[in-house]
Amino acid sequence: MSTTQINQYPKSLPVVLRTRAGIFLLIGVLGFLLVKVVGPILQTGPEYVVEAIVSGIPLLIAAACAITALTLVIVHRMRRS
């Protein structure tokens, strides 16, 4: 088995967090759009709770991953200098 393949090397934490932030941002935006399309059809009060759960939680996770990735990059650069 060759060890020169790129996929066999672990990625750095900022890269992984940036990727996960993008994924959760996409999930949050798609969930928000889904609730905005389906919400008026249902015309109920609990749609706000569903909207908060479906789009809010992934957006919060995306924001946390992005902030953590930026913090790690800044700390890494400060340690180098």
N, C-alpha and C. Protein backbone atom coordinates (compact mmCIF):
# COMPACT_ATOMS: atom_id res chain seq x y z
N MET A 1 0.84 -1.17 0.00
CA MET A 1 0.00 0.00 0.00
C MET A 1 0.89 1.24 0.00
N SER A 2 0.61 2.16 -0.89
CA SER A 2 1.41 3.36 -1.02
C SER A 2 1.02 4.38 0.05
N THR A 3 2.01 5.02 0.62
CA THR A 3 1.73 6.05 1.62
C THR A 3 1.90 7.45 1.04
N THR A 4 2.03 7.56 -0.26
CA THR A 4 2.21 8.87 -0.88
C THR A 4 0.90 9.50 -1.32
N GLN A 5 -0.21 8.87 -1.04
CA GLN A 5 -1.50 9.44 -1.43
C GLN A 5 -1.88 10.56 -0.47
N ILE A 6 -2.47 11.60 -1.01
CA ILE A 6 -2.82 12.77 -0.21
C ILE A 6 -3.87 12.43 0.83
N ASN A 7 -4.81 11.56 0.53
CA ASN A 7 -5.91 11.26 1.43
C ASN A 7 -5.47 10.55 2.71
N GLN A 8 -4.26 10.02 2.75
CA GLN A 8 -3.81 9.29 3.91
C GLN A 8 -3.24 10.19 4.99
N TYR A 9 -2.97 11.44 4.68
CA TYR A 9 -2.41 12.36 5.66
C TYR A 9 -3.54 13.09 6.38
N PRO A 10 -3.45 13.22 7.69
CA PRO A 10 -4.51 13.94 8.42
C PRO A 10 -4.46 15.43 8.09
N LYS A 11 -5.63 16.04 8.03
CA LYS A 11 -5.72 17.46 7.74
C LYS A 11 -5.60 18.24 9.05
N SER A 12 -5.20 19.49 8.94
CA SER A 12 -5.06 20.31 10.14
C SER A 12 -6.44 20.66 10.69
N LEU A 13 -6.47 20.99 11.97
CA LEU A 13 -7.73 21.29 12.64
C LEU A 13 -8.45 22.48 12.02
N PRO A 14 -7.77 23.59 11.66
CA PRO A 14 -8.50 24.69 11.02
C PRO A 14 -9.16 24.28 9.71
N VAL A 15 -8.50 23.41 8.94
CA VAL A 15 -9.09 22.96 7.68
C VAL A 15 -10.34 22.13 7.94
N VAL A 16 -10.28 21.25 8.92
CA VAL A 16 -11.43 20.41 9.25
C VAL A 16 -12.58 21.27 9.77
N LEU A 17 -12.27 22.23 10.63
CA LEU A 17 -13.31 23.10 11.18
C LEU A 17 -13.92 23.98 10.10
N ARG A 18 -13.10 24.46 9.17
CA ARG A 18 -13.63 25.28 8.08
C ARG A 18 -14.57 24.47 7.21
N THR A 19 -14.21 23.23 6.94
CA THR A 19 -15.07 22.36 6.14
C THR A 19 -16.39 22.09 6.86
N ARG A 20 -16.31 21.79 8.15
CA ARG A 20 -17.53 21.53 8.91
C ARG A 20 -18.39 22.78 9.03
N ALA A 21 -17.76 23.94 9.16
CA ALA A 21 -18.53 25.18 9.21
C ALA A 21 -19.30 25.38 7.92
N GLY A 22 -18.67 25.09 6.81
CA GLY A 22 -19.35 25.20 5.52
C GLY A 22 -20.51 24.23 5.39
N ILE A 23 -20.31 23.02 5.86
CA ILE A 23 -21.37 22.02 5.79
C ILE A 23 -22.55 22.42 6.65
N PHE A 24 -22.28 22.84 7.89
CA PHE A 24 -23.37 23.23 8.77
C PHE A 24 -24.05 24.51 8.30
N LEU A 25 -23.30 25.42 7.67
CA LEU A 25 -23.91 26.61 7.11
C LEU A 25 -24.86 26.25 5.98
N LEU A 26 -24.44 25.33 5.14
CA LEU A 26 -25.31 24.86 4.06
C LEU A 26 -26.57 24.20 4.62
N ILE A 27 -26.42 23.35 5.63
CA ILE A 27 -27.58 22.70 6.25
C ILE A 27 -28.52 23.74 6.85
N GLY A 28 -27.96 24.73 7.53
CA GLY A 28 -28.78 25.77 8.14
C GLY A 28 -29.55 26.59 7.13
N VAL A 29 -28.87 26.97 6.05
CA VAL A 29 -29.54 27.77 5.01
C VAL A 29 -30.61 26.95 4.31
N LEU A 30 -30.31 25.70 3.99
CA LEU A 30 -31.32 24.84 3.35
C LEU A 30 -32.50 24.59 4.28
N GLY A 31 -32.23 24.39 5.57
CA GLY A 31 -33.31 24.22 6.53
C GLY A 31 -34.16 25.46 6.65
N PHE A 32 -33.53 26.63 6.66
CA PHE A 32 -34.25 27.89 6.73
C PHE A 32 -35.15 28.07 5.52
N LEU A 33 -34.60 27.78 4.34
CA LEU A 33 -35.41 27.90 3.12
C LEU A 33 -36.55 26.90 3.10
N LEU A 34 -36.30 25.70 3.58
CA LEU A 34 -37.34 24.69 3.64
C LEU A 34 -38.48 25.13 4.55
N VAL A 35 -38.13 25.67 5.71
CA VAL A 35 -39.15 26.11 6.65
C VAL A 35 -39.90 27.31 6.09
N LYS A 36 -39.22 28.19 5.38
CA LYS A 36 -39.89 29.35 4.79
C LYS A 36 -40.85 28.95 3.67
N VAL A 37 -40.55 27.86 2.99
CA VAL A 37 -41.45 27.38 1.94
C VAL A 37 -42.60 26.58 2.53
N VAL A 38 -42.31 25.70 3.49
CA VAL A 38 -43.34 24.84 4.07
C VAL A 38 -44.13 25.57 5.15
N GLY A 39 -43.52 26.56 5.82
CA GLY A 39 -44.17 27.27 6.92
C GLY A 39 -45.49 27.92 6.56
N PRO A 40 -45.56 28.69 5.49
CA PRO A 40 -46.85 29.30 5.15
C PRO A 40 -47.94 28.29 4.80
N ILE A 41 -47.55 27.13 4.36
CA ILE A 41 -48.54 26.09 4.06
C ILE A 41 -49.16 25.58 5.35
N LEU A 42 -48.33 25.41 6.39
CA LEU A 42 -48.82 24.88 7.66
C LEU A 42 -49.62 25.93 8.44
N GLN A 43 -49.20 27.21 8.40
CA GLN A 43 -49.87 28.30 9.09
C GLN A 43 -50.13 28.01 10.56
N THR A 44 -49.10 27.57 11.26
CA THR A 44 -49.25 27.27 12.68
C THR A 44 -48.20 28.04 13.48
N GLY A 45 -48.43 28.17 14.77
CA GLY A 45 -47.50 28.84 15.66
C GLY A 45 -46.21 28.08 15.89
N PRO A 46 -46.27 26.75 16.01
CA PRO A 46 -45.03 26.00 16.28
C PRO A 46 -44.02 26.04 15.14
N GLU A 47 -44.36 26.64 14.01
CA GLU A 47 -43.39 26.70 12.91
C GLU A 47 -42.17 27.52 13.31
N TYR A 48 -42.33 28.48 14.21
CA TYR A 48 -41.18 29.27 14.65
C TYR A 48 -40.21 28.41 15.47
N VAL A 49 -40.75 27.52 16.26
CA VAL A 49 -39.90 26.61 17.03
C VAL A 49 -39.17 25.66 16.08
N VAL A 50 -39.90 25.15 15.10
CA VAL A 50 -39.29 24.26 14.12
C VAL A 50 -38.22 25.00 13.32
N GLU A 51 -38.51 26.24 12.96
CA GLU A 51 -37.54 27.04 12.22
C GLU A 51 -36.27 27.26 13.04
N ALA A 52 -36.45 27.54 14.32
CA ALA A 52 -35.29 27.75 15.18
C ALA A 52 -34.45 26.49 15.30
N ILE A 53 -35.10 25.36 15.38
CA ILE A 53 -34.38 24.09 15.52
C ILE A 53 -33.72 23.70 14.20
N VAL A 54 -34.47 23.78 13.10
CA VAL A 54 -33.97 23.30 11.81
C VAL A 54 -32.86 24.18 11.27
N SER A 55 -33.00 25.50 11.40
CA SER A 55 -31.98 26.37 10.82
C SER A 55 -31.08 27.02 11.86
N GLY A 56 -31.58 27.26 13.04
CA GLY A 56 -30.78 27.96 14.04
C GLY A 56 -29.63 27.16 14.59
N ILE A 57 -29.87 25.93 14.94
CA ILE A 57 -28.81 25.11 15.55
C ILE A 57 -27.66 24.85 14.57
N PRO A 58 -27.92 24.46 13.31
CA PRO A 58 -26.78 24.31 12.39
C PRO A 58 -26.03 25.63 12.14
N LEU A 59 -26.76 26.76 12.13
CA LEU A 59 -26.08 28.04 11.95
C LEU A 59 -25.21 28.38 13.14
N LEU A 60 -25.66 28.05 14.35
CA LEU A 60 -24.83 28.27 15.53
C LEU A 60 -23.59 27.38 15.51
N ILE A 61 -23.76 26.14 15.09
CA ILE A 61 -22.60 25.24 15.00
C ILE A 61 -21.63 25.74 13.94
N ALA A 62 -22.15 26.23 12.81
CA ALA A 62 -21.29 26.77 11.75
C ALA A 62 -20.52 27.98 12.25
N ALA A 63 -21.20 28.86 12.99
CA ALA A 63 -20.53 30.04 13.52
C ALA A 63 -19.44 29.64 14.52
N ALA A 64 -19.74 28.69 15.37
CA ALA A 64 -18.75 28.23 16.36
C ALA A 64 -17.54 27.61 15.67
N CYS A 65 -17.76 26.80 14.66
CA CYS A 65 -16.64 26.18 13.93
C CYS A 65 -15.80 27.25 13.22
N ALA A 66 -16.46 28.22 12.62
CA ALA A 66 -15.72 29.28 11.91
C ALA A 66 -14.90 30.12 12.89
N ILE A 67 -15.49 30.49 14.02
CA ILE A 67 -14.76 31.28 15.01
C ILE A 67 -13.58 30.49 15.58
N THR A 68 -13.79 29.22 15.84
CA THR A 68 -12.70 28.38 16.35
C THR A 68 -11.59 28.23 15.33
N ALA A 69 -11.95 28.04 14.06
CA ALA A 69 -10.93 27.92 13.02
C ALA A 69 -10.12 29.20 12.90
N LEU A 70 -10.80 30.35 12.92
CA LEU A 70 -10.08 31.62 12.86
C LEU A 70 -9.17 31.82 14.06
N THR A 71 -9.65 31.46 15.23
CA THR A 71 -8.85 31.59 16.44
C THR A 71 -7.61 30.70 16.37
N LEU A 72 -7.78 29.47 15.89
CA LEU A 72 -6.63 28.58 15.76
C LEU A 72 -5.60 29.11 14.77
N VAL A 73 -6.05 29.68 13.68
CA VAL A 73 -5.12 30.23 12.70
C VAL A 73 -4.36 31.42 13.29
N ILE A 74 -5.08 32.29 14.01
CA ILE A 74 -4.43 33.45 14.62
C ILE A 74 -3.41 33.01 15.67
N VAL A 75 -3.78 32.07 16.52
CA VAL A 75 -2.85 31.59 17.55
C VAL A 75 -1.64 30.92 16.92
N HIS A 76 -1.86 30.15 15.86
CA HIS A 76 -0.76 29.47 15.17
C HIS A 76 0.21 30.49 14.58
N ARG A 77 -0.32 31.55 13.99
CA ARG A 77 0.54 32.58 13.41
C ARG A 77 1.29 33.37 14.48
N MET A 78 0.63 33.59 15.62
CA MET A 78 1.30 34.32 16.70
C MET A 78 2.42 33.50 17.31
N ARG A 79 2.24 32.19 17.38
CA ARG A 79 3.28 31.33 17.93
C ARG A 79 4.49 31.26 17.01
N ARG A 80 4.25 31.36 15.70
CA ARG A 80 5.35 31.30 14.75
C ARG A 80 6.23 32.54 14.81
N SER A 81 5.60 33.69 15.05
CA SER A 81 6.38 34.95 15.02
C SER A 81 7.03 35.26 16.35
